Amino acid sequence: MNLKPNRQTIRLKQHDYTSECSYFITICTHNRSHLFGEIINGRVVLNDTGKMAHQCWLQIPDHFPNAKIDEFIIMPNHIHGIIHMHPVPNVGANGDSRGWRANDDSPLRNRRWENGTSNSIGSIVRGFKIGVTKFVRQCNPEFVVWQRNYWEHIIRDKNQHYRIRQYIINNPEKWYFDKLNGGCGNTVLEPSMIYGYESWMV
């Protein structure tokens, strides 16, 4: 089995990532480093970086009005979360939502986003990564926080949505068996079969 990283895009070519849809997102730290805290007795204990990651995730809808967050968890070396995308009325002369102007004190704020954003799921993930990276690099300007990519699964129905929510909620209790615990290289692009029985299991 070839487990080398696949540097080609893992996004669906014909899918509109700004359309009304629900996604299960997984984002890993660089080399699976435990940057956000630890698991003690089946519970996540976040450090300062983990608390900032938690805050940044909660602020996603403040900057992207077409996004609604559902269940999520900040694990020691990765984030699992469900994001619902829905259409919003256009605002502004250029027809963009310009959500990045809404909260100047937010750790997510970054000047290169002020001229608008595509409001896609990729933009949301990049914005989240930027917010956490800015916090970490206050103390270590050269530190690499994130892996190169992220993993997403389009949630197809209510039954799958329920199972994914339970998977996220129970993630800390299963940390000992978690394939993302212990480091498997700087990628989440390994075949899904090494994670679980369903394609969304990461």
C-alpha atoms as a PDB file:
ATOM      1  CA  MET A   1       0.000   0.000   0.000  1.00  0.00           C
ATOM      2  CA  ASN A   2       1.415   3.390  -0.993  1.00  0.00           C
ATOM      3  CA  LEU A   3       0.941   5.887   1.849  1.00  0.00           C
ATOM      4  CA  LYS A   4       3.049   8.679   0.356  1.00  0.00           C
ATOM      5  CA  PRO A   5       1.412  12.147   0.387  1.00  0.00           C
ATOM      6  CA  ASN A   6      -0.610  12.973  -2.695  1.00  0.00           C
ATOM      7  CA  ARG A   7       0.166  16.591  -3.570  1.00  0.00           C
ATOM      8  CA  GLN A   8      -2.690  16.874  -6.061  1.00  0.00           C
ATOM      9  CA  THR A   9      -5.884  18.581  -4.952  1.00  0.00           C
ATOM     10  CA  ILE A  10      -8.278  16.492  -2.897  1.00  0.00           C
ATOM     11  CA  ARG A  11     -11.211  18.849  -3.538  1.00  0.00           C
ATOM     12  CA  LEU A  12     -14.068  17.722  -5.791  1.00  0.00           C
ATOM     13  CA  LYS A  13     -13.582  19.385  -9.173  1.00  0.00           C
ATOM     14  CA  GLN A  14     -17.264  19.912  -9.970  1.00  0.00           C
ATOM     15  CA  HIS A  15     -18.408  20.897  -6.482  1.00  0.00           C
ATOM     16  CA  ASP A  16     -19.231  24.505  -5.557  1.00  0.00           C
ATOM     17  CA  TYR A  17     -17.654  24.983  -2.134  1.00  0.00           C
ATOM     18  CA  THR A  18     -19.712  28.131  -1.524  1.00  0.00           C
ATOM     19  CA  SER A  19     -23.050  26.360  -2.112  1.00  0.00           C
ATOM     20  CA  GLU A  20     -25.529  25.330   0.574  1.00  0.00           C
ATOM     21  CA  CYS A  21     -23.978  22.211   2.052  1.00  0.00           C
ATOM     22  CA  SER A  22     -22.653  20.684   5.287  1.00  0.00           C
ATOM     23  CA  TYR A  23     -19.043  19.610   5.737  1.00  0.00           C
ATOM     24  CA  PHE A  24     -17.130  17.522   8.222  1.00  0.00           C
ATOM     25  CA  ILE A  25     -13.699  19.186   8.462  1.00  0.00           C
ATOM     26  CA  THR A  26     -10.455  17.794   9.890  1.00  0.00           C
ATOM     27  CA  ILE A  27      -7.372  20.011  10.231  1.00  0.00           C
ATOM     28  CA  CYS A  28      -4.076  18.654  11.590  1.00  0.00           C
ATOM     29  CA  THR A  29      -1.039  20.344  13.062  1.00  0.00           C
ATOM     30  CA  HIS A  30       2.354  20.138  11.379  1.00  0.00           C
ATOM     31  CA  ASN A  31       3.835  16.674  11.922  1.00  0.00           C
ATOM     32  CA  ARG A  32       0.903  15.910  14.250  1.00  0.00           C
ATOM     33  CA  SER A  33       2.567  17.895  17.052  1.00  0.00           C
ATOM     34  CA  HIS A  34       0.492  18.183  20.244  1.00  0.00           C
ATOM     35  CA  LEU A  35       0.140  21.970  20.222  1.00  0.00           C
ATOM     36  CA  PHE A  36      -3.307  22.410  21.745  1.00  0.00           C
ATOM     37  CA  GLY A  37      -3.206  20.488  25.022  1.00  0.00           C
ATOM     38  CA  GLU A  38      -3.606  16.922  26.213  1.00  0.00           C
ATOM     39  CA  ILE A  39      -6.190  14.254  26.964  1.00  0.00           C
ATOM     40  CA  ILE A  40      -6.632  13.434  30.655  1.00  0.00           C
ATOM     41  CA  ASN A  41      -9.125  10.761  31.717  1.00  0.00           C
ATOM     42  CA  GLY A  42     -10.947  10.983  28.414  1.00  0.00           C
ATOM     43  CA  ARG A  43     -11.278  14.775  28.511  1.00  0.00           C
ATOM     44  CA  VAL A  44      -9.510  17.479  26.500  1.00  0.00           C
ATOM     45  CA  VAL A  45      -7.451  19.878  28.620  1.00  0.00           C
ATOM     46  CA  LEU A  46      -6.548  22.832  26.380  1.00  0.00           C
ATOM     47  CA  ASN A  47      -3.459  24.968  26.806  1.00  0.00           C
ATOM     48  CA  ASP A  48      -3.367  28.651  25.778  1.00  0.00           C
ATOM     49  CA  THR A  49      -2.910  27.799  22.097  1.00  0.00           C
ATOM     50  CA  GLY A  50      -5.786  25.335  22.256  1.00  0.00           C
ATOM     51  CA  LYS A  51      -8.001  27.947  23.890  1.00  0.00           C
ATOM     52  CA  MET A  52      -7.147  30.400  21.107  1.00  0.00           C
ATOM     53  CA  ALA A  53      -7.975  27.753  18.484  1.00  0.00           C
ATOM     54  CA  HIS A  54     -11.304  27.207  20.259  1.00  0.00           C
ATOM     55  CA  GLN A  55     -11.996  30.967  20.223  1.00  0.00           C
ATOM     56  CA  CYS A  56     -11.078  31.283  16.536  1.00  0.00           C
ATOM     57  CA  TRP A  57     -13.417  28.444  15.589  1.00  0.00           C
ATOM     58  CA  LEU A  58     -16.297  30.030  17.507  1.00  0.00           C
ATOM     59  CA  GLN A  59     -15.697  33.297  15.636  1.00  0.00           C
ATOM     60  CA  ILE A  60     -15.982  31.769  12.156  1.00  0.00           C
ATOM     61  CA  PRO A  61     -19.627  32.928  11.686  1.00  0.00           C
ATOM     62  CA  ASP A  62     -18.637  36.482  12.707  1.00  0.00           C
ATOM     63  CA  HIS A  63     -16.412  36.695   9.639  1.00  0.00           C
ATOM     64  CA  PHE A  64     -18.236  34.377   7.271  1.00  0.00           C
ATOM     65  CA  PRO A  65     -22.002  35.065   7.534  1.00  0.00           C
ATOM     66  CA  ASN A  66     -22.711  32.169   5.170  1.00  0.00           C
ATOM     67  CA  ALA A  67     -21.199  29.695   7.667  1.00  0.00           C
ATOM     68  CA  LYS A  68     -22.783  28.132  10.734  1.00  0.00           C
ATOM     69  CA  ILE A  69     -20.738  25.960  13.070  1.00  0.00           C
ATOM     70  CA  ASP A  70     -22.087  22.743  14.524  1.00  0.00           C
ATOM     71  CA  GLU A  71     -20.348  20.203  16.771  1.00  0.00           C
ATOM     72  CA  PHE A  72     -16.557  20.554  16.947  1.00  0.00           C
ATOM     73  CA  ILE A  73     -13.629  19.490  19.104  1.00  0.00           C
ATOM     74  CA  ILE A  74     -10.108  20.840  19.565  1.00  0.00           C
ATOM     75  CA  MET A  75      -7.886  17.790  20.067  1.00  0.00           C
ATOM     76  CA  PRO A  76      -4.178  17.923  21.009  1.00  0.00           C
ATOM     77  CA  ASN A  77      -3.024  17.791  17.387  1.00  0.00           C
ATOM     78  CA  HIS A  78      -6.105  18.204  15.216  1.00  0.00           C
ATOM     79  CA  ILE A  79      -9.533  19.793  14.944  1.00  0.00           C
ATOM     80  CA  HIS A  80     -12.751  18.055  13.950  1.00  0.00           C
ATOM     81  CA  GLY A  81     -15.757  20.220  13.149  1.00  0.00           C
ATOM     82  CA  ILE A  82     -18.999  20.417  11.194  1.00  0.00           C
ATOM     83  CA  ILE A  83     -19.661  23.586   9.198  1.00  0.00           C
ATOM     84  CA  HIS A  84     -22.979  24.322   7.480  1.00  0.00           C
ATOM     85  CA  MET A  85     -22.826  26.637   4.462  1.00  0.00           C
ATOM     86  CA  HIS A  86     -25.914  28.608   3.486  1.00  0.00           C
ATOM     87  CA  PRO A  87     -26.576  31.532   1.107  1.00  0.00           C
ATOM     88  CA  VAL A  88     -26.659  35.090   2.442  1.00  0.00           C
ATOM     89  CA  PRO A  89     -27.768  38.341   0.757  1.00  0.00           C
ATOM     90  CA  ASN A  90     -24.974  40.208  -0.996  1.00  0.00           C
ATOM     91  CA  VAL A  91     -23.751  43.361   0.704  1.00  0.00           C
ATOM     92  CA  GLY A  92     -21.448  46.138  -0.422  1.00  0.00           C
ATOM     93  CA  ALA A  93     -20.644  47.646  -3.799  1.00  0.00           C
ATOM     94  CA  ASN A  94     -18.753  44.588  -5.014  1.00  0.00           C
ATOM     95  CA  GLY A  95     -21.362  42.072  -3.878  1.00  0.00           C
ATOM     96  CA  ASP A  96     -19.184  40.547  -1.176  1.00  0.00           C
ATOM     97  CA  SER A  97     -20.037  40.124   2.489  1.00  0.00           C
ATOM     98  CA  ARG A  98     -16.798  41.727   3.778  1.00  0.00           C
ATOM     99  CA  GLY A  99     -17.200  39.902   7.060  1.00  0.00           C
ATOM    100  CA  TRP A 100     -13.547  40.480   7.943  1.00  0.00           C
ATOM    101  CA  ARG A 101     -14.294  44.119   8.840  1.00  0.00           C
ATOM    102  CA  ALA A 102     -16.790  43.142  11.505  1.00  0.00           C
ATOM    103  CA  ASN A 103     -14.448  42.617  14.436  1.00  0.00           C
ATOM    104  CA  ASP A 104     -11.078  44.428  14.378  1.00  0.00           C
ATOM    105  CA  ASP A 105      -9.949  42.797  17.635  1.00  0.00           C
ATOM    106  CA  SER A 106     -10.560  39.242  16.494  1.00  0.00           C
ATOM    107  CA  PRO A 107      -7.522  36.929  16.265  1.00  0.00           C
ATOM    108  CA  LEU A 108      -8.888  35.882  12.868  1.00  0.00           C
ATOM    109  CA  ARG A 109      -8.470  39.383  11.407  1.00  0.00           C
ATOM    110  CA  ASN A 110      -5.840  39.666   8.673  1.00  0.00           C
ATOM    111  CA  ARG A 111      -5.400  42.660   6.379  1.00  0.00           C
ATOM    112  CA  ARG A 112      -5.009  40.705   3.173  1.00  0.00           C
ATOM    113  CA  TRP A 113      -8.632  39.540   3.529  1.00  0.00           C
ATOM    114  CA  GLU A 114     -10.178  43.015   3.813  1.00  0.00           C
ATOM    115  CA  ASN A 115     -11.011  43.353   0.128  1.00  0.00           C
ATOM    116  CA  GLY A 116     -13.466  40.499   0.315  1.00  0.00           C
ATOM    117  CA  THR A 117     -13.300  36.719   0.335  1.00  0.00           C
ATOM    118  CA  SER A 118     -14.732  33.913  -1.734  1.00  0.00           C
ATOM    119  CA  ASN A 119     -16.714  32.696   1.311  1.00  0.00           C
ATOM    120  CA  SER A 120     -15.871  29.125   0.355  1.00  0.00           C
ATOM    121  CA  ILE A 121     -15.106  26.353   2.819  1.00  0.00           C
ATOM    122  CA  GLY A 122     -11.452  26.685   1.788  1.00  0.00           C
ATOM    123  CA  SER A 123     -11.482  30.387   2.702  1.00  0.00           C
ATOM    124  CA  ILE A 124     -12.942  29.545   6.098  1.00  0.00           C
ATOM    125  CA  VAL A 125     -10.237  26.975   6.818  1.00  0.00           C
ATOM    126  CA  ARG A 126      -7.484  29.344   5.672  1.00  0.00           C
ATOM    127  CA  GLY A 127      -8.890  32.148   7.821  1.00  0.00           C
ATOM    128  CA  PHE A 128      -9.032  29.878  10.858  1.00  0.00           C
ATOM    129  CA  LYS A 129      -5.457  28.734  10.283  1.00  0.00           C
ATOM    130  CA  ILE A 130      -4.271  32.332   9.947  1.00  0.00           C
ATOM    131  CA  GLY A 131      -5.900  33.334  13.237  1.00  0.00           C
ATOM    132  CA  VAL A 132      -4.230  30.548  15.209  1.00  0.00           C
ATOM    133  CA  THR A 133      -0.892  31.011  13.433  1.00  0.00           C
ATOM    134  CA  LYS A 134      -0.797  34.725  14.292  1.00  0.00           C
ATOM    135  CA  PHE A 135      -1.249  33.868  17.966  1.00  0.00           C
ATOM    136  CA  VAL A 136       1.484  31.204  17.975  1.00  0.00           C
ATOM    137  CA  ARG A 137       3.977  33.339  16.047  1.00  0.00           C
ATOM    138  CA  GLN A 138       3.823  36.147  18.573  1.00  0.00           C
ATOM    139  CA  CYS A 139       6.353  34.084  20.543  1.00  0.00           C
ATOM    140  CA  ASN A 140       7.954  32.091  17.728  1.00  0.00           C
ATOM    141  CA  PRO A 141       7.808  33.918  14.356  1.00  0.00           C
ATOM    142  CA  GLU A 142       9.148  30.965  12.336  1.00  0.00           C
ATOM    143  CA  PHE A 143       7.012  28.240  13.876  1.00  0.00           C
ATOM    144  CA  VAL A 144       5.059  26.029  11.444  1.00  0.00           C
ATOM    145  CA  VAL A 145       1.640  25.387  12.984  1.00  0.00           C
ATOM    146  CA  TRP A 146      -0.379  23.543  10.365  1.00  0.00           C
ATOM    147  CA  GLN A 147      -0.038  20.781   7.862  1.00  0.00           C
ATOM    148  CA  ARG A 148      -0.265  21.792   4.237  1.00  0.00           C
ATOM    149  CA  ASN A 149      -3.866  20.783   3.570  1.00  0.00           C
ATOM    150  CA  TYR A 150      -7.093  19.835   5.304  1.00  0.00           C
ATOM    151  CA  TRP A 151      -9.590  17.015   4.924  1.00  0.00           C
ATOM    152  CA  GLU A 152     -13.287  17.505   4.228  1.00  0.00           C
ATOM    153  CA  HIS A 153     -16.294  15.259   3.766  1.00  0.00           C
ATOM    154  CA  ILE A 154     -19.634  16.416   2.382  1.00  0.00           C
ATOM    155  CA  ILE A 155     -22.377  15.276   4.761  1.00  0.00           C
ATOM    156  CA  ARG A 156     -25.053  13.605   2.694  1.00  0.00           C
ATOM    157  CA  ASP A 157     -27.986  13.019   5.056  1.00  0.00           C
ATOM    158  CA  LYS A 158     -29.308  13.368   8.620  1.00  0.00           C
ATOM    159  CA  ASN A 159     -28.239   9.885   9.616  1.00  0.00           C
ATOM    160  CA  GLN A 160     -24.640  10.526   8.610  1.00  0.00           C
ATOM    161  CA  HIS A 161     -24.777  13.920  10.296  1.00  0.00           C
ATOM    162  CA  TYR A 162     -25.810  12.266  13.553  1.00  0.00           C
ATOM    163  CA  ARG A 163     -23.041   9.651  13.356  1.00  0.00           C
ATOM    164  CA  ILE A 164     -20.401  12.273  12.632  1.00  0.00           C
ATOM    165  CA  ARG A 165     -21.580  14.406  15.557  1.00  0.00           C
ATOM    166  CA  GLN A 166     -21.264  11.411  17.859  1.00  0.00           C
ATOM    167  CA  TYR A 167     -17.831  10.652  16.419  1.00  0.00           C
ATOM    168  CA  ILE A 168     -16.688  14.199  17.277  1.00  0.00           C
ATOM    169  CA  ILE A 169     -18.188  14.124  20.774  1.00  0.00           C
ATOM    170  CA  ASN A 170     -16.581  10.759  21.571  1.00  0.00           C
ATOM    171  CA  ASN A 171     -13.193  11.590  20.050  1.00  0.00           C
ATOM    172  CA  PRO A 172     -11.418  12.365  23.375  1.00  0.00           C
ATOM    173  CA  GLU A 173     -12.539   9.075  24.913  1.00  0.00           C
ATOM    174  CA  LYS A 174     -11.029   7.169  21.970  1.00  0.00           C
ATOM    175  CA  TRP A 175      -7.756   9.116  21.934  1.00  0.00           C
ATOM    176  CA  TYR A 176      -5.688   6.049  22.816  1.00  0.00           C
ATOM    177  CA  PHE A 177      -6.842   4.344  19.600  1.00  0.00           C
ATOM    178  CA  ASP A 178      -6.867   7.503  17.445  1.00  0.00           C
ATOM    179  CA  LYS A 179      -4.827   7.121  14.242  1.00  0.00           C
ATOM    180  CA  LEU A 180      -3.989  10.832  14.488  1.00  0.00           C
ATOM    181  CA  ASN A 181      -2.401  10.238  17.895  1.00  0.00           C
ATOM    182  CA  GLY A 182       1.284   9.414  17.686  1.00  0.00           C
ATOM    183  CA  GLY A 183       2.191  11.028  14.373  1.00  0.00           C
ATOM    184  CA  CYS A 184       1.840   9.509  10.906  1.00  0.00           C
ATOM    185  CA  GLY A 185       3.606  12.204   8.881  1.00  0.00           C
ATOM    186  CA  ASN A 186       2.608  15.656   7.713  1.00  0.00           C
ATOM    187  CA  THR A 187      -0.553  14.750   5.814  1.00  0.00           C
ATOM    188  CA  VAL A 188      -4.136  13.574   6.228  1.00  0.00           C
ATOM    189  CA  LEU A 189      -4.203  12.255   2.682  1.00  0.00           C
ATOM    190  CA  GLU A 190      -3.658   8.620   3.569  1.00  0.00           C
ATOM    191  CA  PRO A 191      -6.312   6.184   2.287  1.00  0.00           C
ATOM    192  CA  SER A 192      -9.424   6.371   4.455  1.00  0.00           C
ATOM    193  CA  MET A 193      -9.372   2.587   4.942  1.00  0.00           C
ATOM    194  CA  ILE A 194      -6.653   2.961   7.589  1.00  0.00           C
ATOM    195  CA  TYR A 195      -8.995   5.086   9.719  1.00  0.00           C
ATOM    196  CA  GLY A 196     -12.357   3.411   9.782  1.00  0.00           C
ATOM    197  CA  TYR A 197     -15.188   1.734   7.946  1.00  0.00           C
ATOM    198  CA  GLU A 198     -16.796   4.900   6.594  1.00  0.00           C
ATOM    199  CA  SER A 199     -15.170   7.402   4.245  1.00  0.00           C
ATOM    200  CA  TRP A 200     -15.531  10.327   6.661  1.00  0.00           C
ATOM    201  CA  MET A 201     -13.684   8.637   9.530  1.00  0.00           C
ATOM    202  CA  VAL A 202     -10.372  10.424  10.089  1.00  0.00           C
END
